[in-house]
Protein backbone atom coordinates (compact mmCIF):
# COMPACT_ATOMS: atom_id res chain seq x y z
CA UNK A 1 -0.85 18.33 10.42
CA UNK A 2 -1.16 17.79 14.16
CA UNK A 3 -4.12 15.47 14.75
CA UNK A 4 -3.99 12.69 12.19
CA UNK A 5 -6.56 10.02 11.33
CA UNK A 6 -5.28 6.80 9.73
CA UNK A 7 -7.60 4.21 8.17
CA UNK A 8 -6.11 0.74 7.95
CA UNK A 9 -3.97 1.57 10.98
CA UNK A 10 -3.25 -2.04 11.92
CA UNK A 11 -2.18 -3.03 8.43
CA UNK A 12 1.29 -3.40 6.96
CA UNK A 13 1.83 0.15 5.70
CA UNK A 14 -0.68 1.73 8.05
CA UNK A 15 0.98 0.55 11.26
CA UNK A 16 4.41 1.65 10.03
CA UNK A 17 2.95 5.06 9.18
CA UNK A 18 1.28 5.31 12.61
CA UNK A 19 4.61 4.68 14.35
CA UNK A 20 6.38 7.29 12.21
CA UNK A 21 3.68 9.90 12.84
CA UNK A 22 3.86 9.36 16.59
CA UNK A 23 7.65 9.58 16.50
CA UNK A 24 7.33 12.95 14.74
CA UNK A 25 5.14 14.30 17.55
CA UNK A 26 1.72 13.98 15.93
CA UNK A 27 -1.43 12.81 17.69
CA UNK A 28 -2.92 9.84 15.87
CA UNK A 29 -6.34 8.21 15.75
CA UNK A 30 -6.08 4.73 14.24
CA UNK A 31 -9.12 3.20 12.52
CA UNK A 32 -9.39 -0.46 11.49
CA UNK A 33 -11.90 -3.30 11.35
CA UNK A 34 -9.12 -5.90 11.85
CA UNK A 35 -10.34 -8.04 8.96
CA UNK A 36 -6.73 -8.42 7.80
CA UNK A 37 -4.75 -6.12 10.10
CA UNK A 38 -2.91 -7.37 13.16
CA UNK A 39 -3.32 -5.95 16.66
CA UNK A 40 0.29 -6.94 17.28
CA UNK A 41 1.45 -4.33 14.76
CA UNK A 42 0.05 -1.60 17.01
CA UNK A 43 1.68 -2.83 20.21
CA UNK A 44 4.18 0.03 20.24
CA UNK A 45 1.61 2.66 19.26
CA UNK A 46 -0.83 1.59 21.98
CA UNK A 47 1.81 2.47 24.58
CA UNK A 48 2.02 6.03 23.24
CA UNK A 49 -0.01 8.75 25.03
CA UNK A 50 -0.89 10.46 21.75
CA UNK A 51 -2.43 7.38 20.13
CA UNK A 52 -6.02 6.21 20.27
CA UNK A 53 -7.54 3.26 18.44
CA UNK A 54 -11.09 2.96 17.15
CA UNK A 55 -12.37 -0.35 15.81
CA UNK A 56 -14.66 0.33 12.90
CA UNK A 57 -15.40 -0.28 9.24
CA UNK A 58 -15.09 2.37 6.53
CA UNK A 59 -18.46 1.19 5.20
CA UNK A 60 -20.05 2.56 8.39
CA UNK A 61 -20.16 6.24 7.47
CA UNK A 62 -21.81 7.47 10.67
CA UNK A 63 -19.22 5.87 12.96
CA UNK A 64 -16.39 6.89 10.65
CA UNK A 65 -17.46 10.53 10.65
CA UNK A 66 -17.78 10.56 14.43
CA UNK A 67 -14.34 9.01 14.95
CA UNK A 68 -12.75 11.55 12.62
CA UNK A 69 -13.92 14.57 14.65
CA UNK A 70 -11.12 16.85 15.78
CA UNK A 71 -8.60 15.60 13.21
CA UNK A 72 -6.95 17.90 10.67
CA UNK A 73 -5.38 15.36 8.30
CA UNK A 74 -6.57 11.95 7.07
CA UNK A 75 -4.47 9.17 5.61
CA UNK A 76 -6.74 6.67 3.88
CA UNK A 77 -4.88 3.35 3.63
CA UNK A 78 -7.65 0.83 4.37
CA UNK A 79 -8.38 -1.33 1.32
CA UNK A 80 -8.84 -4.79 -0.05
CA UNK A 81 -5.39 -5.66 -1.37
CA UNK A 82 -6.12 -9.12 -2.77
CA UNK A 83 -5.12 -8.14 -6.29
CA UNK A 84 -4.84 -11.69 -7.57
CA UNK A 85 -8.31 -12.85 -6.54
CA UNK A 86 -10.41 -9.91 -7.79
CA UNK A 87 -12.34 -11.95 -10.35
CA UNK A 88 -13.40 -14.40 -7.63
CA UNK A 89 -15.23 -11.68 -5.66
CA UNK A 90 -15.66 -8.65 -7.97
CA UNK A 91 -17.85 -6.76 -5.50
CA UNK A 92 -15.13 -6.76 -2.83
CA UNK A 93 -12.87 -4.27 -4.62
CA UNK A 94 -15.80 -1.95 -5.25
CA UNK A 95 -17.10 -2.05 -1.68
CA UNK A 96 -13.81 -1.97 0.23
CA UNK A 97 -11.88 0.31 -2.11
CA UNK A 98 -14.27 2.52 -4.10
CA UNK A 99 -17.31 2.86 -1.83
CA UNK A 100 -15.06 3.01 1.25
CA UNK A 101 -13.10 5.90 -0.30
CA UNK A 102 -16.36 7.74 -0.93
CA UNK A 103 -17.24 7.31 2.76
CA UNK A 104 -13.84 8.64 3.83
CA UNK A 105 -14.37 11.67 1.58
CA UNK A 106 -17.80 12.29 3.04
CA UNK A 107 -16.42 12.04 6.57
CA UNK A 108 -13.59 14.42 5.64
CA UNK A 109 -16.08 16.90 4.15
CA UNK A 110 -18.55 16.74 7.05
CA UNK A 111 -15.74 17.36 9.55
CA UNK A 112 -14.31 20.29 7.62
CA UNK A 113 -10.93 18.57 7.20
CA UNK A 114 -8.83 20.20 4.51
CA UNK A 115 -6.02 17.69 3.84
CA UNK A 116 -5.75 13.99 3.10
CA UNK A 117 -3.42 11.36 1.66
CA UNK A 118 -4.51 8.29 -0.30
CA UNK A 119 -2.71 5.02 -0.94
CA UNK A 120 -3.31 4.22 -4.58
CA UNK A 121 -1.34 1.82 -6.75
CA UNK A 122 0.82 1.56 -9.83
CA UNK A 123 -1.80 -0.93 -11.05
CA UNK A 124 -3.90 2.03 -12.24
CA UNK A 125 -1.53 2.27 -15.22
CA UNK A 126 -2.65 -1.16 -16.43
CA UNK A 127 -0.22 -2.47 -19.01
CA UNK A 128 1.42 0.88 -19.65
CA UNK A 129 3.00 1.62 -23.01
CA UNK A 130 5.50 4.03 -21.46
CA UNK A 131 8.24 2.43 -19.33
CA UNK A 132 9.29 3.72 -16.83
CA UNK A 133 5.76 5.04 -16.33
CA UNK A 134 5.31 8.70 -15.29
CA UNK A 135 2.36 10.15 -13.37
CA UNK A 136 0.97 11.85 -16.49
CA UNK A 137 1.06 8.70 -18.63
CA UNK A 138 -2.22 8.20 -20.58
CA UNK A 139 -4.32 5.52 -18.93
CA UNK A 140 -4.75 2.32 -20.95
CA UNK A 141 -7.56 -0.21 -20.64
CA UNK A 142 -7.85 -1.37 -17.04
CA UNK A 143 -6.93 -5.02 -16.63
CA UNK A 144 -7.36 -5.45 -12.87
CA UNK A 145 -10.45 -4.94 -10.71
CA UNK A 146 -8.17 -3.77 -7.92
CA UNK A 147 -6.54 -1.16 -10.16
CA UNK A 148 -9.91 -0.05 -11.50
CA UNK A 149 -11.34 0.36 -7.99
CA UNK A 150 -8.34 2.45 -6.93
CA UNK A 151 -8.55 4.60 -10.06
CA UNK A 152 -12.23 5.24 -9.31
CA UNK A 153 -11.19 6.32 -5.80
CA UNK A 154 -8.61 8.68 -7.27
CA UNK A 155 -11.26 10.23 -9.50
CA UNK A 156 -13.60 10.89 -6.58
CA UNK A 157 -10.79 12.42 -4.54
CA UNK A 158 -9.91 14.77 -7.39
CA UNK A 159 -13.56 15.81 -7.79
CA UNK A 160 -13.96 16.41 -4.04
CA UNK A 161 -10.82 18.55 -4.05
CA UNK A 162 -12.24 20.66 -6.86
CA UNK A 163 -15.74 20.81 -5.41
CA UNK A 164 -15.03 21.25 -1.69
CA UNK A 165 -11.55 22.78 -1.51
CA UNK A 166 -9.83 19.73 -0.02
CA UNK A 167 -6.08 19.29 -0.60
CA UNK A 168 -5.04 15.73 -1.42
CA UNK A 169 -1.94 13.64 -2.05
CA UNK A 170 -2.33 10.49 -4.12
CA UNK A 171 0.49 7.97 -3.81
CA UNK A 172 0.79 5.31 -6.49
CA UNK A 173 2.84 2.54 -4.92
CA UNK A 174 4.76 -0.32 -6.42
CA UNK A 175 4.62 -3.44 -4.21
CA UNK A 176 5.85 -2.65 -0.70
CA UNK A 177 8.18 -4.89 1.32
CA UNK A 178 9.66 -4.95 4.81
CA UNK A 179 8.64 -5.43 8.47
CA UNK A 180 4.97 -6.41 9.01
CA UNK A 181 4.64 -7.65 5.43
CA UNK A 182 1.66 -10.01 5.35
CA UNK A 183 0.73 -10.66 1.71
CA UNK A 184 2.49 -10.92 -1.62
CA UNK A 185 4.92 -13.14 -3.45
CA UNK A 186 7.54 -13.41 -0.69
CA UNK A 187 5.12 -14.70 1.91
CA UNK A 188 3.55 -17.04 -0.68
CA UNK A 189 6.96 -18.50 -1.54
CA UNK A 190 8.00 -18.65 2.13
CA UNK A 191 4.86 -20.62 3.05
CA UNK A 192 5.44 -23.07 0.22
CA UNK A 193 9.05 -23.62 1.22
CA UNK A 194 8.08 -24.16 4.86
CA UNK A 195 5.80 -26.98 3.70
CA UNK A 196 8.13 -28.41 1.05
CA UNK A 197 11.70 -27.07 0.91
CA UNK A 198 12.46 -29.04 -2.26
CA UNK A 199 9.76 -27.59 -4.56
CA UNK A 200 8.59 -24.06 -5.37
CA UNK A 201 5.58 -23.53 -7.63
CA UNK A 202 5.68 -20.19 -9.44
CA UNK A 203 2.87 -18.46 -11.32
CA UNK A 204 3.92 -17.42 -14.82
CA UNK A 205 7.33 -18.15 -16.28
CA UNK A 206 9.45 -16.11 -13.87
CA UNK A 207 10.33 -13.44 -16.43
CA UNK A 208 7.79 -10.95 -15.07
CA UNK A 209 9.58 -7.71 -14.22
CA UNK A 210 8.51 -5.89 -11.07
CA UNK A 211 9.59 -2.99 -8.93
CA UNK A 212 9.45 -2.99 -5.13
CA UNK A 213 9.92 -0.44 -2.33
CA UNK A 214 10.82 -0.90 1.33
CA UNK A 215 8.06 0.20 3.70
CA UNK A 216 10.33 2.57 5.63
CA UNK A 217 11.30 4.33 2.40
CA UNK A 218 7.60 4.46 1.49
CA UNK A 219 6.59 6.02 4.82
CA UNK A 220 9.45 8.53 4.64
CA UNK A 221 8.28 9.58 1.19
CA UNK A 222 4.69 10.05 2.37
CA UNK A 223 5.68 12.20 5.35
CA UNK A 224 8.27 14.13 3.34
CA UNK A 225 5.88 15.06 0.55
CA UNK A 226 2.89 15.91 2.76
CA UNK A 227 5.16 18.03 4.95
CA UNK A 228 6.00 20.24 1.96
CA UNK A 229 2.30 21.18 1.58
CA UNK A 230 2.55 20.86 -2.18
CA UNK A 231 -1.14 20.12 -2.73
CA UNK A 232 -2.09 23.58 -1.47
CA UNK A 233 -0.08 25.04 -4.34
CA UNK A 234 -1.36 22.65 -7.05
CA UNK A 235 -3.73 23.95 -9.72
CA UNK A 236 -6.53 21.55 -8.76
CA UNK A 237 -5.44 20.98 -5.13
CA UNK A 238 -4.18 17.46 -5.91
CA UNK A 239 -0.62 16.16 -6.16
CA UNK A 240 0.05 12.66 -7.50
CA UNK A 241 3.33 10.85 -6.83
CA UNK A 242 4.69 7.52 -7.97
CA UNK A 243 6.55 5.79 -5.14
CA UNK A 244 9.08 3.13 -6.03
CA UNK A 245 12.72 2.33 -6.52
CA UNK A 246 14.69 3.45 -9.54
CA UNK A 247 15.08 -0.18 -10.68
CA UNK A 248 13.20 -3.44 -11.22
CA UNK A 249 13.91 -7.17 -10.97
CA UNK A 250 12.50 -10.36 -12.44
CA UNK A 251 10.55 -12.90 -10.42
CA UNK A 252 13.48 -15.27 -10.93
CA UNK A 253 15.81 -12.67 -9.34
CA UNK A 254 13.56 -12.43 -6.31
CA UNK A 255 13.34 -16.23 -6.01
CA UNK A 256 17.14 -16.41 -6.01
CA UNK A 257 17.46 -13.89 -3.18
CA UNK A 258 14.73 -15.55 -1.11
CA UNK A 259 16.15 -19.05 -1.50
CA UNK A 260 19.67 -17.86 -0.74
CA UNK A 261 18.45 -16.26 2.48
CA UNK A 262 16.72 -19.49 3.46
CA UNK A 263 19.64 -21.68 2.40
CA UNK A 264 17.45 -23.68 0.00
CA UNK A 265 17.78 -24.82 -3.62
CA UNK A 266 14.28 -26.05 -4.54
CA UNK A 267 13.20 -27.26 -7.93
CA UNK A 268 11.17 -24.55 -9.66
CA UNK A 269 7.85 -25.42 -11.29
CA UNK A 270 6.45 -22.63 -13.47
CA UNK A 271 2.80 -22.45 -14.54
CA UNK A 272 3.83 -20.78 -17.82
CA UNK A 273 3.08 -17.55 -19.62
CA UNK A 274 4.26 -14.07 -18.72
CA UNK A 275 1.34 -13.36 -16.35
CA UNK A 276 0.65 -14.94 -13.01
CA UNK A 277 -3.09 -14.28 -12.95
CA UNK A 278 -5.84 -12.30 -14.67
CA UNK A 279 -4.89 -8.64 -14.44
CA UNK A 280 -1.24 -9.31 -13.64
CA UNK A 281 1.06 -6.81 -15.32
CA UNK A 282 4.19 -8.48 -16.71
CA UNK A 283 6.25 -5.27 -16.41
CA UNK A 284 5.84 -2.70 -13.61
CA UNK A 285 8.41 0.06 -13.41
CA UNK A 286 7.33 3.54 -12.34
CA UNK A 287 9.09 6.78 -13.16
CA UNK A 288 9.86 8.34 -9.76
CA UNK A 289 11.63 11.50 -10.91
CA UNK A 290 8.84 13.73 -9.61
CA UNK A 291 9.12 12.61 -5.98
CA UNK A 292 12.92 12.51 -6.16
CA UNK A 293 12.95 16.14 -7.27
CA UNK A 294 11.41 17.04 -3.89
CA UNK A 295 14.56 15.76 -2.14
CA UNK A 296 13.45 12.23 -1.23
CA UNK A 297 15.56 9.19 -2.06
CA UNK A 298 15.46 5.50 -1.21
CA UNK A 299 17.77 4.00 1.41
CA UNK A 300 17.38 0.38 0.30
CA UNK A 301 17.45 -1.23 -3.13
CA UNK A 302 15.16 -4.06 -4.19
CA UNK A 303 17.49 -6.89 -3.24
CA UNK A 304 18.01 -5.42 0.23
CA UNK A 305 14.25 -4.99 0.62
CA UNK A 306 13.55 -8.60 -0.36
CA UNK A 307 16.24 -9.93 1.95
CA UNK A 308 15.11 -7.80 4.91
CA UNK A 309 11.55 -9.05 4.40
CA UNK A 310 12.71 -12.67 4.53
CA UNK A 311 14.69 -11.90 7.69
CA UNK A 312 11.61 -10.36 9.29
CA UNK A 313 9.43 -13.34 8.37
CA UNK A 314 12.00 -15.75 9.80
CA UNK A 315 11.91 -13.83 13.09
CA UNK A 316 8.12 -13.44 13.12
CA UNK A 317 6.59 -16.67 11.86
CA UNK A 318 3.56 -16.01 14.07
CA UNK A 319 2.20 -13.88 11.18
CA UNK A 320 1.36 -17.13 9.38
CA UNK A 321 -1.25 -17.82 12.02
CA UNK A 322 -4.83 -16.66 11.57
CA UNK A 323 -4.97 -12.91 12.37
CA UNK A 324 -6.90 -11.56 15.31
CA UNK A 325 -10.15 -9.90 14.27
CA UNK A 326 -10.83 -7.60 17.21
CA UNK A 327 -8.96 -5.54 19.79
């Protein structure tokens, strides 16, 4: 891995990965359409001599294939991540997650690239019967359009690896926190409390149990695992890893940490039920023994990750403004 292509380069995880790749001496081509990404997140990368940025959409296969020329590894992180609102625009997950992944695979194949990494999600496990949930857990009925679209992408990647000799790493994330965080429950709560410090409206009943991972731990895991070249040794040229912390918290726990950081004691108004929206999983806790056995471990626990995210938002409230859409 010397010349790396990153889709979703200006996004939360993508921009952190770009910085880490450059710091490790890699040359990086960043690809993004800036529909949700922020140009500000690439400010450091754009000063680096080994970084180039291409504005483009993964649905434009011709441009994508051209931009990928000369690269030897692809990280595909671009996606629609609006998990909660999937039923309001069901075609969005298919187009931006499933079809886009097919285009990335076609561009990888046409350029003769042999290795790639894919950001999947723990949502593919649906409402798993096995907790903590291992990578080889039987898949239940899919309850989220986002999860279903990612699982379809995983299936295509596996078939391309078998059919065209590509080596792939599939990373199933829990929710990621930390610097450059731009969507999720912490930013939703933060926005509410900025508008009304005395009241916090919460979807569900607050008993939902979730696991979270700091973005720097996530990026370290990705680079650690891909550096071991494990996919080349796998039976079907694919290695799947859960990425998360070895713990979980309730929504009420997270609210307590957020409010303590902000010095607020709002009244809590719960919508009721143990799900926040259609497709919400009331208990997400992934078994991460497989990735830990490779020598990786987390540096931050969930509480530290939540608190550091609040600190970053307090210092960077400009992220609440409408994002730039072009470079």
